[in-house]
Amino acid sequence: MKKSIIILIGAIYVMSILIIGFFGMKMTSYNETIYPERIEIEGVEGASIEETSLNIPGTGICKYIITYEFKDNAQEQENVFSLIYRVYPDTTSNRAVSFSYDKSNAPISKIDERNNFWVTGRGGVVIKISAVSRPTIEVMLYLEVI
């Protein structure tokens, strides 16, 4: 009886290897996509920021006003300020944001990948920051260059 039990266990072991080898075992990993819930402006380097609820007709309510003092007769690199923002929750899968503004009437020439705003003259513009993975999550701010 002892010999038959050992042979039976061995046969079951070999059969299980053959069955799994024949049918395969599909393993999947679960990578949950976490979408952003909100974008917060934490600060500005080189300019001043004020939290408000400025209503601009045609665009909507701007949550922040950034005031930058333009330096006359300065090189292009000297008229730059940086925006510091944060995408919540911290575990968001895609933390990328996009900046949109009226390029034809803006006092800024570009916004680079380090969130630096390159100022070219005086004026004002509404800037909308929206999450790439969920465009309905957005923050609007008004940039005033004096």
N, C-alpha and C. Protein backbone atom coordinates (compact mmCIF):
# COMPACT_ATOMS: atom_id res chain seq x y z
N MET A 1 0.82 -1.19 0.00
CA MET A 1 0.00 0.00 0.00
C MET A 1 0.87 1.26 0.00
N LYS A 2 1.95 1.20 0.68
CA LYS A 2 2.81 2.37 0.75
C LYS A 2 3.40 2.69 -0.62
N LYS A 3 3.76 1.65 -1.35
CA LYS A 3 4.36 1.85 -2.66
C LYS A 3 3.35 2.45 -3.64
N SER A 4 2.13 2.06 -3.59
CA SER A 4 1.11 2.56 -4.50
C SER A 4 0.78 4.04 -4.23
N ILE A 5 0.83 4.47 -2.98
CA ILE A 5 0.56 5.87 -2.64
C ILE A 5 1.68 6.76 -3.19
N ILE A 6 2.90 6.33 -3.07
CA ILE A 6 4.03 7.11 -3.58
C ILE A 6 3.95 7.19 -5.11
N ILE A 7 3.60 6.12 -5.77
CA ILE A 7 3.45 6.12 -7.22
C ILE A 7 2.29 7.03 -7.63
N LEU A 8 1.18 6.99 -6.89
CA LEU A 8 0.03 7.84 -7.18
C LEU A 8 0.38 9.32 -7.02
N ILE A 9 1.09 9.69 -5.96
CA ILE A 9 1.50 11.09 -5.76
C ILE A 9 2.44 11.53 -6.88
N GLY A 10 3.36 10.66 -7.27
CA GLY A 10 4.28 10.98 -8.37
C GLY A 10 3.54 11.16 -9.68
N ALA A 11 2.55 10.32 -9.94
CA ALA A 11 1.77 10.42 -11.17
C ALA A 11 0.95 11.70 -11.20
N ILE A 12 0.37 12.07 -10.08
CA ILE A 12 -0.39 13.33 -10.01
C ILE A 12 0.54 14.52 -10.23
N TYR A 13 1.72 14.48 -9.68
CA TYR A 13 2.71 15.55 -9.85
C TYR A 13 3.08 15.70 -11.32
N VAL A 14 3.40 14.59 -11.99
CA VAL A 14 3.78 14.63 -13.41
C VAL A 14 2.60 15.09 -14.26
N MET A 15 1.39 14.63 -13.96
CA MET A 15 0.21 15.04 -14.72
C MET A 15 -0.08 16.53 -14.56
N SER A 16 0.11 17.05 -13.36
CA SER A 16 -0.13 18.49 -13.15
C SER A 16 0.87 19.32 -13.94
N ILE A 17 2.11 18.90 -14.01
CA ILE A 17 3.10 19.62 -14.81
C ILE A 17 2.71 19.57 -16.29
N LEU A 18 2.28 18.39 -16.78
CA LEU A 18 1.89 18.26 -18.18
C LEU A 18 0.64 19.08 -18.49
N ILE A 19 -0.33 19.11 -17.60
CA ILE A 19 -1.58 19.87 -17.84
C ILE A 19 -1.30 21.37 -17.86
N ILE A 20 -0.51 21.84 -16.91
CA ILE A 20 -0.19 23.28 -16.89
C ILE A 20 0.66 23.64 -18.10
N GLY A 21 1.57 22.76 -18.48
CA GLY A 21 2.38 23.01 -19.68
C GLY A 21 1.54 23.03 -20.94
N PHE A 22 0.54 22.18 -21.02
CA PHE A 22 -0.30 22.12 -22.22
C PHE A 22 -1.27 23.29 -22.30
N PHE A 23 -2.00 23.55 -21.23
CA PHE A 23 -3.00 24.63 -21.24
C PHE A 23 -2.40 25.99 -20.95
N GLY A 24 -1.28 26.01 -20.28
CA GLY A 24 -0.64 27.27 -19.94
C GLY A 24 -1.25 27.90 -18.71
N MET A 25 -0.49 28.80 -18.14
CA MET A 25 -0.96 29.51 -16.96
C MET A 25 -0.77 31.00 -17.24
N LYS A 26 -1.85 31.69 -17.39
CA LYS A 26 -1.78 33.10 -17.74
C LYS A 26 -1.71 33.93 -16.47
N MET A 27 -0.61 34.67 -16.37
CA MET A 27 -0.47 35.57 -15.23
C MET A 27 -0.62 37.00 -15.73
N THR A 28 -1.40 37.75 -15.05
CA THR A 28 -1.57 39.15 -15.40
C THR A 28 -1.25 39.99 -14.18
N SER A 29 -0.70 41.15 -14.46
CA SER A 29 -0.46 42.08 -13.36
C SER A 29 -1.51 43.18 -13.44
N TYR A 30 -1.89 43.67 -12.34
CA TYR A 30 -2.93 44.69 -12.26
C TYR A 30 -2.28 46.05 -12.07
N ASN A 31 -2.28 46.85 -13.12
CA ASN A 31 -1.75 48.20 -13.05
C ASN A 31 -2.91 49.18 -13.09
N GLU A 32 -3.30 49.62 -11.95
CA GLU A 32 -4.44 50.53 -11.86
C GLU A 32 -4.03 51.91 -12.34
N THR A 33 -4.86 52.52 -13.16
CA THR A 33 -4.64 53.88 -13.62
C THR A 33 -5.31 54.83 -12.64
N ILE A 34 -4.52 55.70 -12.05
CA ILE A 34 -5.05 56.67 -11.10
C ILE A 34 -5.05 58.03 -11.79
N TYR A 35 -6.23 58.61 -11.92
CA TYR A 35 -6.38 59.89 -12.61
C TYR A 35 -6.23 61.04 -11.63
N PRO A 36 -5.78 62.20 -12.12
CA PRO A 36 -5.66 63.36 -11.24
C PRO A 36 -7.03 63.88 -10.79
N GLU A 37 -7.06 64.42 -9.58
CA GLU A 37 -8.29 64.98 -9.03
C GLU A 37 -8.28 66.50 -8.99
N ARG A 38 -7.09 67.07 -8.82
CA ARG A 38 -7.00 68.53 -8.79
C ARG A 38 -5.56 68.97 -9.02
N ILE A 39 -5.42 70.22 -9.41
CA ILE A 39 -4.12 70.85 -9.59
C ILE A 39 -4.08 72.05 -8.67
N GLU A 40 -3.01 72.17 -7.91
CA GLU A 40 -2.85 73.30 -7.00
C GLU A 40 -1.59 74.07 -7.34
N ILE A 41 -1.70 75.39 -7.34
CA ILE A 41 -0.54 76.24 -7.53
C ILE A 41 0.05 76.46 -6.14
N GLU A 42 1.32 76.07 -5.98
CA GLU A 42 1.96 76.20 -4.67
C GLU A 42 2.72 77.51 -4.53
N GLY A 43 3.19 78.06 -5.63
CA GLY A 43 3.93 79.32 -5.54
C GLY A 43 4.53 79.72 -6.87
N VAL A 44 5.20 80.85 -6.82
CA VAL A 44 5.85 81.40 -8.00
C VAL A 44 7.22 81.92 -7.58
N GLU A 45 8.24 81.62 -8.36
CA GLU A 45 9.58 82.15 -8.10
C GLU A 45 9.85 83.28 -9.09
N GLY A 46 10.08 84.47 -8.58
CA GLY A 46 10.38 85.61 -9.43
C GLY A 46 9.20 86.52 -9.69
N ALA A 47 8.06 86.23 -9.12
CA ALA A 47 6.85 87.05 -9.29
C ALA A 47 6.02 86.90 -8.03
N SER A 48 4.93 87.65 -7.97
CA SER A 48 4.04 87.53 -6.80
C SER A 48 2.73 86.89 -7.25
N ILE A 49 2.12 86.16 -6.32
CA ILE A 49 0.87 85.46 -6.62
C ILE A 49 -0.15 85.79 -5.55
N GLU A 50 -1.40 85.88 -5.98
CA GLU A 50 -2.50 86.20 -5.07
C GLU A 50 -3.68 85.32 -5.43
N GLU A 51 -4.28 84.70 -4.42
CA GLU A 51 -5.45 83.86 -4.65
C GLU A 51 -6.68 84.75 -4.69
N THR A 52 -7.53 84.53 -5.69
CA THR A 52 -8.69 85.38 -5.88
C THR A 52 -9.76 84.60 -6.66
N SER A 53 -10.83 85.25 -6.98
CA SER A 53 -11.85 84.68 -7.86
C SER A 53 -12.23 85.74 -8.89
N LEU A 54 -11.26 86.10 -9.72
CA LEU A 54 -11.44 87.12 -10.75
C LEU A 54 -12.26 86.53 -11.91
N ASN A 55 -13.38 87.19 -12.24
CA ASN A 55 -14.23 86.72 -13.33
C ASN A 55 -13.90 87.52 -14.59
N ILE A 56 -13.35 86.85 -15.59
CA ILE A 56 -13.02 87.50 -16.85
C ILE A 56 -14.04 87.03 -17.89
N PRO A 57 -14.79 87.96 -18.47
CA PRO A 57 -15.83 87.58 -19.45
C PRO A 57 -15.22 86.81 -20.62
N GLY A 58 -15.88 85.73 -21.00
CA GLY A 58 -15.43 84.94 -22.13
C GLY A 58 -14.48 83.82 -21.77
N THR A 59 -13.85 83.89 -20.60
CA THR A 59 -12.91 82.84 -20.22
C THR A 59 -13.35 82.11 -18.96
N GLY A 60 -13.87 82.82 -18.00
CA GLY A 60 -14.32 82.20 -16.76
C GLY A 60 -13.66 82.80 -15.55
N ILE A 61 -13.67 82.04 -14.48
CA ILE A 61 -13.13 82.53 -13.21
C ILE A 61 -11.68 82.09 -13.06
N CYS A 62 -10.81 83.06 -12.86
CA CYS A 62 -9.40 82.78 -12.61
C CYS A 62 -9.19 82.68 -11.11
N LYS A 63 -8.55 81.61 -10.68
CA LYS A 63 -8.36 81.37 -9.26
C LYS A 63 -7.16 82.13 -8.70
N TYR A 64 -6.19 82.46 -9.56
CA TYR A 64 -4.97 83.13 -9.11
C TYR A 64 -4.65 84.31 -10.02
N ILE A 65 -4.01 85.32 -9.45
CA ILE A 65 -3.46 86.43 -10.22
C ILE A 65 -1.96 86.45 -9.95
N ILE A 66 -1.18 86.36 -11.03
CA ILE A 66 0.27 86.44 -10.92
C ILE A 66 0.68 87.80 -11.44
N THR A 67 1.45 88.53 -10.65
CA THR A 67 1.92 89.85 -11.05
C THR A 67 3.43 89.78 -11.23
N TYR A 68 3.89 90.16 -12.41
CA TYR A 68 5.32 90.14 -12.73
C TYR A 68 5.74 91.54 -13.15
N GLU A 69 6.85 92.01 -12.63
CA GLU A 69 7.36 93.33 -12.99
C GLU A 69 8.37 93.17 -14.11
N PHE A 70 8.04 93.70 -15.29
CA PHE A 70 8.89 93.58 -16.47
C PHE A 70 10.12 94.47 -16.32
N LYS A 71 11.28 93.92 -16.67
CA LYS A 71 12.54 94.66 -16.58
C LYS A 71 12.89 95.20 -17.97
N ASP A 72 12.85 96.53 -18.10
CA ASP A 72 13.21 97.15 -19.38
C ASP A 72 14.71 97.02 -19.62
N ASN A 73 15.10 96.99 -20.90
CA ASN A 73 16.50 96.91 -21.31
C ASN A 73 17.25 95.74 -20.67
N ALA A 74 16.57 94.66 -20.43
CA ALA A 74 17.19 93.46 -19.85
C ALA A 74 17.27 92.39 -20.93
N GLN A 75 18.19 91.47 -20.74
CA GLN A 75 18.31 90.36 -21.68
C GLN A 75 17.10 89.43 -21.52
N GLU A 76 16.92 88.59 -22.52
CA GLU A 76 15.76 87.68 -22.52
C GLU A 76 15.76 86.75 -21.31
N GLN A 77 16.95 86.29 -20.88
CA GLN A 77 17.04 85.37 -19.75
C GLN A 77 16.67 86.02 -18.42
N GLU A 78 16.67 87.33 -18.35
CA GLU A 78 16.38 88.02 -17.10
C GLU A 78 14.90 88.24 -16.87
N ASN A 79 14.08 88.14 -17.89
CA ASN A 79 12.64 88.31 -17.76
C ASN A 79 11.96 86.95 -17.76
N VAL A 80 12.26 86.17 -16.73
CA VAL A 80 11.73 84.82 -16.60
C VAL A 80 11.28 84.60 -15.16
N PHE A 81 10.15 83.91 -15.00
CA PHE A 81 9.74 83.47 -13.65
C PHE A 81 9.23 82.04 -13.75
N SER A 82 9.22 81.35 -12.62
CA SER A 82 8.84 79.93 -12.59
C SER A 82 7.56 79.73 -11.80
N LEU A 83 6.74 78.82 -12.26
CA LEU A 83 5.50 78.45 -11.59
C LEU A 83 5.69 77.10 -10.92
N ILE A 84 5.28 77.00 -9.66
CA ILE A 84 5.37 75.74 -8.92
C ILE A 84 3.95 75.24 -8.69
N TYR A 85 3.66 74.07 -9.22
CA TYR A 85 2.32 73.49 -9.08
C TYR A 85 2.45 72.05 -8.62
N ARG A 86 1.32 71.48 -8.23
CA ARG A 86 1.30 70.09 -7.78
C ARG A 86 0.01 69.43 -8.26
N VAL A 87 0.12 68.21 -8.73
CA VAL A 87 -1.02 67.43 -9.19
C VAL A 87 -1.37 66.43 -8.10
N TYR A 88 -2.64 66.43 -7.69
CA TYR A 88 -3.10 65.52 -6.62
C TYR A 88 -4.01 64.47 -7.20
N PRO A 89 -4.03 63.26 -6.69
CA PRO A 89 -3.23 62.73 -5.59
C PRO A 89 -1.79 62.47 -6.05
N ASP A 90 -0.91 62.27 -5.07
CA ASP A 90 0.50 62.06 -5.37
C ASP A 90 0.75 60.76 -6.13
N THR A 91 -0.18 59.83 -6.08
CA THR A 91 -0.02 58.55 -6.75
C THR A 91 -0.61 58.55 -8.16
N THR A 92 -0.89 59.71 -8.71
CA THR A 92 -1.46 59.82 -10.05
C THR A 92 -0.54 59.16 -11.07
N SER A 93 -1.11 58.40 -11.97
CA SER A 93 -0.32 57.69 -12.98
C SER A 93 0.38 58.64 -13.95
N ASN A 94 -0.33 59.64 -14.45
CA ASN A 94 0.23 60.60 -15.39
C ASN A 94 0.10 61.99 -14.79
N ARG A 95 1.22 62.56 -14.37
CA ARG A 95 1.22 63.86 -13.71
C ARG A 95 1.44 65.03 -14.67
N ALA A 96 1.46 64.77 -15.96
CA ALA A 96 1.73 65.81 -16.95
C ALA A 96 0.56 66.78 -17.06
N VAL A 97 0.90 68.05 -17.28
CA VAL A 97 -0.10 69.09 -17.50
C VAL A 97 0.20 69.81 -18.80
N SER A 98 -0.80 70.49 -19.32
CA SER A 98 -0.61 71.31 -20.51
C SER A 98 -1.02 72.74 -20.19
N PHE A 99 -0.30 73.68 -20.79
CA PHE A 99 -0.57 75.10 -20.62
C PHE A 99 -1.20 75.61 -21.91
N SER A 100 -2.28 76.38 -21.78
CA SER A 100 -2.88 76.98 -22.97
C SER A 100 -3.18 78.45 -22.68
N TYR A 101 -2.93 79.27 -23.69
CA TYR A 101 -3.17 80.71 -23.59
C TYR A 101 -3.24 81.27 -25.00
N ASP A 102 -3.72 82.49 -25.12
CA ASP A 102 -3.83 83.16 -26.42
C ASP A 102 -2.43 83.63 -26.83
N LYS A 103 -1.79 82.90 -27.73
CA LYS A 103 -0.41 83.19 -28.12
C LYS A 103 -0.27 84.47 -28.93
N SER A 104 -1.34 84.89 -29.58
CA SER A 104 -1.26 86.09 -30.42
C SER A 104 -1.26 87.38 -29.61
N ASN A 105 -1.81 87.35 -28.41
CA ASN A 105 -1.95 88.57 -27.63
C ASN A 105 -1.31 88.43 -26.26
N ALA A 106 -0.30 87.58 -26.12
CA ALA A 106 0.27 87.28 -24.81
C ALA A 106 1.58 88.02 -24.60
N PRO A 107 1.82 88.45 -23.35
CA PRO A 107 3.11 89.07 -23.04
C PRO A 107 4.22 88.05 -22.76
N ILE A 108 3.96 86.79 -23.03
CA ILE A 108 4.98 85.76 -22.84
C ILE A 108 5.24 85.09 -24.18
N SER A 109 6.50 84.70 -24.39
CA SER A 109 6.84 84.06 -25.66
C SER A 109 6.71 82.56 -25.60
N LYS A 110 7.03 81.97 -24.43
CA LYS A 110 6.92 80.51 -24.31
C LYS A 110 6.90 80.11 -22.85
N ILE A 111 6.46 78.86 -22.65
CA ILE A 111 6.52 78.21 -21.35
C ILE A 111 7.30 76.93 -21.60
N ASP A 112 8.47 76.80 -20.97
CA ASP A 112 9.30 75.63 -21.25
C ASP A 112 8.96 74.45 -20.35
N GLU A 113 9.71 73.35 -20.50
CA GLU A 113 9.42 72.11 -19.78
C GLU A 113 9.69 72.21 -18.28
N ARG A 114 10.37 73.24 -17.84
CA ARG A 114 10.64 73.45 -16.41
C ARG A 114 9.67 74.46 -15.79
N ASN A 115 8.59 74.75 -16.49
CA ASN A 115 7.55 75.68 -16.04
C ASN A 115 8.07 77.11 -15.90
N ASN A 116 9.03 77.48 -16.73
CA ASN A 116 9.52 78.85 -16.78
C ASN A 116 8.71 79.63 -17.80
N PHE A 117 8.26 80.80 -17.41
CA PHE A 117 7.51 81.69 -18.29
C PHE A 117 8.47 82.76 -18.80
N TRP A 118 8.64 82.84 -20.11
CA TRP A 118 9.55 83.81 -20.73
C TRP A 118 8.73 85.03 -21.12
N VAL A 119 8.94 86.14 -20.42
CA VAL A 119 8.15 87.36 -20.59
C VAL A 119 8.80 88.25 -21.65
N THR A 120 7.99 88.77 -22.57
CA THR A 120 8.51 89.61 -23.66
C THR A 120 8.03 91.05 -23.58
N GLY A 121 6.98 91.33 -22.83
CA GLY A 121 6.47 92.70 -22.75
C GLY A 121 5.39 92.81 -21.70
N ARG A 122 4.80 94.00 -21.65
CA ARG A 122 3.76 94.26 -20.66
C ARG A 122 2.39 93.84 -21.22
N GLY A 123 1.48 93.56 -20.29
CA GLY A 123 0.13 93.18 -20.69
C GLY A 123 -0.44 92.15 -19.75
N GLY A 124 -1.49 91.51 -20.19
CA GLY A 124 -2.14 90.49 -19.38
C GLY A 124 -2.65 89.36 -20.24
N VAL A 125 -2.71 88.17 -19.66
CA VAL A 125 -3.19 87.00 -20.39
C VAL A 125 -3.75 85.99 -19.40
N VAL A 126 -4.78 85.27 -19.83
CA VAL A 126 -5.36 84.19 -19.04
C VAL A 126 -4.66 82.89 -19.46
N ILE A 127 -4.15 82.16 -18.49
CA ILE A 127 -3.46 80.90 -18.74
C ILE A 127 -4.26 79.79 -18.08
N LYS A 128 -4.51 78.73 -18.86
CA LYS A 128 -5.25 77.58 -18.34
C LYS A 128 -4.29 76.41 -18.24
N ILE A 129 -4.21 75.82 -17.05
CA ILE A 129 -3.38 74.66 -16.81
C ILE A 129 -4.34 73.48 -16.64
N SER A 130 -4.21 72.47 -17.51
CA SER A 130 -5.10 71.31 -17.42
C SER A 130 -4.29 70.02 -17.44
N ALA A 131 -4.82 69.01 -16.77
CA ALA A 131 -4.17 67.71 -16.70
C ALA A 131 -4.29 67.02 -18.05
N VAL A 132 -3.21 66.37 -18.48
CA VAL A 132 -3.21 65.71 -19.78
C VAL A 132 -4.12 64.48 -19.77
N SER A 133 -4.08 63.70 -18.70
CA SER A 133 -4.87 62.47 -18.66
C SER A 133 -6.35 62.71 -18.36
N ARG A 134 -6.67 63.87 -17.82
CA ARG A 134 -8.07 64.23 -17.57
C ARG A 134 -8.23 65.73 -17.79
N PRO A 135 -8.53 66.16 -19.02
CA PRO A 135 -8.57 67.59 -19.36
C PRO A 135 -9.61 68.40 -18.61
N THR A 136 -10.58 67.77 -17.97
CA THR A 136 -11.57 68.54 -17.23
C THR A 136 -11.01 69.07 -15.91
N ILE A 137 -9.89 68.52 -15.46
CA ILE A 137 -9.21 69.03 -14.26
C ILE A 137 -8.32 70.18 -14.71
N GLU A 138 -8.67 71.38 -14.30
CA GLU A 138 -7.93 72.56 -14.76
C GLU A 138 -7.91 73.65 -13.70
N VAL A 139 -6.94 74.55 -13.86
CA VAL A 139 -6.81 75.74 -13.02
C VAL A 139 -6.55 76.89 -13.97
N MET A 140 -7.27 77.98 -13.77
CA MET A 140 -7.05 79.16 -14.58
C MET A 140 -6.39 80.25 -13.74
N LEU A 141 -5.44 80.91 -14.34
CA LEU A 141 -4.78 82.02 -13.65
C LEU A 141 -4.61 83.18 -14.61
N TYR A 142 -4.52 84.36 -14.05
CA TYR A 142 -4.36 85.57 -14.85
C TYR A 142 -2.96 86.10 -14.59
N LEU A 143 -2.20 86.26 -15.68
CA LEU A 143 -0.84 86.81 -15.59
C LEU A 143 -0.89 88.28 -15.97
N GLU A 144 -0.44 89.12 -15.05
CA GLU A 144 -0.39 90.56 -15.30
C GLU A 144 1.06 90.99 -15.26
N VAL A 145 1.54 91.49 -16.38
CA VAL A 145 2.93 91.97 -16.49
C VAL A 145 2.88 93.49 -16.47
N ILE A 146 3.51 94.08 -15.44
CA ILE A 146 3.48 95.54 -15.28
C ILE A 146 4.87 96.13 -15.52
